[in-house]
Amino acid sequence: DVAIIQVRFSSDDNQNGTREGTWTNWYDWNSSSGDWDSSAKVMDWIFATSGAKEVWAEVDDGASTDTAYDTVSVNSSPVADAGPDQFIFESETTSLDGSGSYDPDGSIVAYNWSCTGGTLSSSTIANPTYTPPSISGDSIFTCTLEVTDDDGATDSDWMDIAVFDDNPPTASLVATPEQGDTSTVFSLDVSGSTDDVAIIQVRFSSDDNQNGTREGTWTN
């Protein structure tokens, strides 16, 4: 018997038992180089595209050569897209959007959402409805989407939901002066009114009693 002295490799995009790819350079059987591990007799090989593939090896003992091949299937991983960040008030709901997720060489077969706070109408659909939890101050919650393709590969993405505390505002009204006549212009001071976020509008009313119950018509 003669010893193997070198080896080379090839691959192609078919599984027909016929080599169509280009051979690499020869690798010394007993000297590691690049992706060739001579101790383990293993070559690391990466494919640029997905699909059905053949890998080939040719060994040479100086007198003759022989080839062997095997078949592999290469999958492109899916790409998860959890959608844009969102901003809502505590009393609102919103739809999450994972519909931008895709699989380059197949299809998405499973969605799995999880959030650091709040509830989802379903964690296993692309576009669930999100309901925020009760909060005592503005908060940010992260929702993570993991998708699985038809080959079992997964990918994940996340987005943030900023939830604003929308407790009702607290009104404050001080009328000055306390007494006057029909020619007196009373100042209605509402500057002491407060809100967790921001007060955006105000209206006024008056009536002919002092019983603490509004009976007059609101202004615009």
Protein backbone atom coordinates (compact mmCIF):
# COMPACT_ATOMS: atom_id res chain seq x y z
CA ASP A 1 0.00 0.00 0.00
CA VAL A 2 1.02 3.59 -0.66
CA ALA A 3 0.21 6.49 1.69
CA ILE A 4 -2.20 9.28 0.80
CA ILE A 5 -0.21 12.46 0.24
CA GLN A 6 -2.82 15.07 -0.61
CA VAL A 7 -6.52 15.84 -0.82
CA ARG A 8 -8.73 18.40 -2.52
CA PHE A 9 -12.43 19.34 -2.34
CA SER A 10 -15.30 20.59 -4.44
CA SER A 11 -19.05 21.21 -4.19
CA ASP A 12 -21.95 21.92 -6.50
CA ASP A 13 -25.64 22.83 -6.42
CA ASN A 14 -27.08 19.45 -7.31
CA GLN A 15 -27.38 15.94 -6.00
CA ASN A 16 -26.96 13.98 -9.23
CA GLY A 17 -23.68 12.22 -8.44
CA THR A 18 -21.77 14.23 -11.04
CA ARG A 19 -19.19 16.74 -9.89
CA GLU A 20 -19.82 20.13 -11.49
CA GLY A 21 -17.96 22.42 -9.12
CA THR A 22 -14.33 23.54 -9.26
CA TRP A 23 -11.67 21.70 -7.27
CA THR A 24 -9.79 23.52 -4.55
CA ASN A 25 -6.03 23.44 -4.56
CA TRP A 26 -4.46 20.29 -3.17
CA TYR A 27 -3.96 20.14 0.61
CA ASP A 28 -1.07 18.20 2.11
CA TRP A 29 -2.55 15.15 3.85
CA ASN A 30 -0.34 15.62 6.89
CA SER A 31 -0.13 19.44 7.14
CA SER A 32 -2.99 21.65 8.26
CA SER A 33 -3.71 24.70 6.13
CA GLY A 34 -6.58 27.17 6.19
CA ASP A 35 -9.80 25.23 6.85
CA TRP A 36 -8.09 21.85 6.42
CA ASP A 37 -7.34 20.08 9.72
CA SER A 38 -4.80 17.35 8.90
CA SER A 39 -4.95 15.85 12.40
CA ALA A 40 -8.71 15.21 12.25
CA LYS A 41 -8.71 14.86 8.45
CA VAL A 42 -11.59 17.32 8.34
CA MET A 43 -12.23 20.24 5.98
CA ASP A 44 -14.55 23.03 7.13
CA TRP A 45 -16.85 24.03 4.29
CA ILE A 46 -19.37 26.88 4.03
CA PHE A 47 -21.98 27.36 1.32
CA ALA A 48 -22.97 30.82 0.10
CA THR A 49 -26.46 29.72 -0.94
CA SER A 50 -29.12 27.35 0.35
CA GLY A 51 -30.52 24.24 -1.26
CA ALA A 52 -29.54 20.67 -2.12
CA LYS A 53 -25.74 20.31 -2.39
CA GLU A 54 -23.04 17.78 -3.10
CA VAL A 55 -19.60 17.85 -1.53
CA TRP A 56 -16.67 16.05 -3.13
CA ALA A 57 -13.23 14.92 -2.00
CA GLU A 58 -10.39 13.51 -4.04
CA VAL A 59 -7.43 11.79 -2.42
CA ASP A 60 -4.07 11.16 -4.08
CA ASP A 61 -1.36 8.70 -3.06
CA GLY A 62 1.07 9.74 -5.77
CA ALA A 63 0.23 6.79 -7.95
CA SER A 64 -3.51 7.15 -8.38
CA THR A 65 -6.51 9.09 -7.13
CA ASP A 66 -10.02 8.31 -5.98
CA THR A 67 -13.08 10.47 -5.33
CA ALA A 68 -16.00 10.28 -2.97
CA TYR A 69 -19.02 12.48 -2.46
CA ASP A 70 -21.85 13.09 -0.04
CA THR A 71 -25.05 15.12 -0.12
CA VAL A 72 -26.12 17.86 2.27
CA SER A 73 -29.06 20.23 2.52
CA VAL A 74 -28.29 23.86 3.29
CA ASN A 75 -30.96 26.04 4.92
CA SER A 76 -31.04 29.83 5.04
CA SER A 77 -32.18 30.99 8.46
CA PRO A 78 -35.37 33.04 8.75
CA VAL A 79 -35.28 36.76 9.48
CA ALA A 80 -37.43 37.99 12.37
CA ASP A 81 -38.91 41.50 12.28
CA ALA A 82 -40.76 42.62 15.41
CA GLY A 83 -41.83 45.90 13.84
CA PRO A 84 -41.17 49.48 14.97
CA ASP A 85 -41.11 50.81 18.53
CA GLN A 86 -44.47 52.14 19.69
CA PHE A 87 -45.88 54.76 22.07
CA ILE A 88 -49.28 54.35 23.73
CA PHE A 89 -51.22 55.47 26.78
CA GLU A 90 -51.99 53.09 29.62
CA SER A 91 -55.69 52.95 28.65
CA GLU A 92 -54.94 52.01 25.03
CA THR A 93 -54.16 48.76 23.21
CA THR A 94 -52.00 48.35 20.12
CA SER A 95 -51.20 45.72 17.50
CA LEU A 96 -47.73 44.25 17.28
CA ASP A 97 -46.48 43.65 13.76
CA GLY A 98 -44.31 40.66 12.97
CA SER A 99 -45.56 40.39 9.39
CA GLY A 100 -42.23 41.67 8.05
CA SER A 101 -40.54 38.43 9.12
CA TYR A 102 -39.57 36.13 6.25
CA ASP A 103 -37.63 33.03 5.25
CA PRO A 104 -35.34 33.39 2.20
CA ASP A 105 -35.73 29.78 1.08
CA GLY A 106 -39.00 28.63 2.58
CA SER A 107 -41.70 29.86 4.93
CA ILE A 108 -42.26 30.95 8.50
CA VAL A 109 -44.18 28.23 10.31
CA ALA A 110 -44.26 29.57 13.87
CA TYR A 111 -44.32 32.90 15.72
CA ASN A 112 -43.58 33.23 19.42
CA TRP A 113 -43.99 36.60 21.18
CA SER A 114 -43.00 37.42 24.75
CA CYS A 115 -43.20 40.78 26.54
CA THR A 116 -41.65 42.04 29.78
CA GLY A 117 -45.01 43.44 30.85
CA GLY A 118 -48.62 43.49 29.69
CA THR A 119 -50.68 40.81 27.96
CA LEU A 120 -51.10 39.57 24.39
CA SER A 121 -54.26 38.38 22.66
CA SER A 122 -52.10 35.51 21.36
CA SER A 123 -48.37 34.87 21.53
CA THR A 124 -48.32 32.63 18.47
CA ILE A 125 -49.61 34.86 15.66
CA ALA A 126 -47.84 37.51 13.59
CA ASN A 127 -49.99 40.45 14.73
CA PRO A 128 -51.28 40.04 18.30
CA THR A 129 -53.01 42.79 20.26
CA TYR A 130 -50.97 44.15 23.18
CA THR A 131 -52.62 45.43 26.37
CA PRO A 132 -50.31 47.28 28.78
CA PRO A 133 -50.33 46.60 32.52
CA SER A 134 -51.47 49.09 35.15
CA ILE A 135 -48.61 51.47 35.83
CA SER A 136 -47.90 54.25 38.32
CA GLY A 137 -45.53 56.11 36.03
CA ASP A 138 -44.35 56.15 32.43
CA SER A 139 -42.78 52.76 31.60
CA ILE A 140 -41.08 50.92 28.74
CA PHE A 141 -41.76 47.26 27.97
CA THR A 142 -39.83 45.09 25.52
CA CYS A 143 -41.55 42.57 23.26
CA THR A 144 -39.42 39.87 21.63
CA LEU A 145 -40.46 37.89 18.57
CA GLU A 146 -38.93 34.51 17.69
CA VAL A 147 -39.80 32.97 14.34
CA THR A 148 -39.21 29.41 13.14
CA ASP A 149 -38.91 28.37 9.50
CA ASP A 150 -39.98 25.14 7.80
CA ASP A 151 -36.53 23.64 8.43
CA GLY A 152 -36.62 24.35 12.17
CA ALA A 153 -34.19 27.28 12.12
CA THR A 154 -35.01 30.30 14.29
CA ASP A 155 -34.29 34.00 14.53
CA SER A 156 -35.44 36.71 16.96
CA ASP A 157 -36.00 40.45 17.01
CA TRP A 158 -37.39 42.86 19.60
CA MET A 159 -39.14 46.20 19.91
CA ASP A 160 -40.01 48.57 22.76
CA ILE A 161 -43.41 49.89 23.77
CA ALA A 162 -43.37 53.13 25.76
CA VAL A 163 -46.51 53.29 27.92
CA PHE A 164 -47.53 56.67 29.30
CA ASP A 165 -49.41 56.85 32.58
CA ASP A 166 -52.73 58.48 31.75
CA ASN A 167 -54.31 58.88 35.17
CA PRO A 168 -57.00 61.59 34.95
CA PRO A 169 -55.91 65.19 35.55
CA THR A 170 -56.56 66.98 38.82
CA ALA A 171 -58.45 70.25 38.40
CA SER A 172 -57.85 73.29 40.59
CA LEU A 173 -59.90 76.51 40.42
CA VAL A 174 -59.54 79.68 42.45
CA ALA A 175 -61.92 82.58 41.70
CA THR A 176 -60.88 86.13 42.63
CA PRO A 177 -62.23 88.32 44.03
CA GLU A 178 -64.51 86.30 46.26
CA GLN A 179 -67.23 88.97 46.06
CA GLY A 180 -68.29 91.49 43.44
CA ASP A 181 -71.23 92.80 41.49
CA THR A 182 -72.49 92.36 37.96
CA SER A 183 -69.77 94.65 36.62
CA THR A 184 -66.96 92.74 38.31
CA VAL A 185 -64.64 90.66 36.14
CA PHE A 186 -63.73 87.58 38.10
CA SER A 187 -60.42 85.84 37.43
CA LEU A 188 -60.73 82.05 37.22
CA ASP A 189 -57.26 80.69 38.00
CA VAL A 190 -56.70 77.06 37.00
CA SER A 191 -52.90 77.17 37.09
CA GLY A 192 -52.84 74.71 39.99
CA SER A 193 -54.31 71.91 37.85
CA THR A 194 -51.95 68.98 37.27
CA ASP A 195 -51.61 65.87 35.10
CA ASP A 196 -49.14 62.98 34.79
CA VAL A 197 -48.50 63.82 31.13
CA ALA A 198 -49.82 67.21 30.01
CA ILE A 199 -53.10 69.13 30.19
CA ILE A 200 -54.18 70.00 26.66
CA GLN A 201 -57.42 71.96 27.08
CA VAL A 202 -59.78 73.61 29.58
CA ARG A 203 -63.39 74.82 29.70
CA PHE A 204 -65.51 76.78 32.20
CA SER A 205 -69.06 77.00 33.54
CA SER A 206 -71.04 78.82 36.23
CA ASP A 207 -74.42 78.54 37.91
CA ASP A 208 -76.59 80.31 40.47
CA ASN A 209 -75.93 78.10 43.47
CA GLN A 210 -73.16 77.12 45.80
CA ASN A 211 -74.00 73.46 46.33
CA GLY A 212 -70.94 71.92 44.67
CA THR A 213 -72.97 70.58 41.75
CA ARG A 214 -72.43 72.04 38.30
CA GLU A 215 -75.73 73.12 36.74
CA GLY A 216 -74.53 75.59 34.15
CA THR A 217 -73.51 75.03 30.54
CA TRP A 218 -69.88 74.42 29.64
CA THR A 219 -68.06 76.94 27.44
CA ASN A 220 -66.24 75.60 24.42
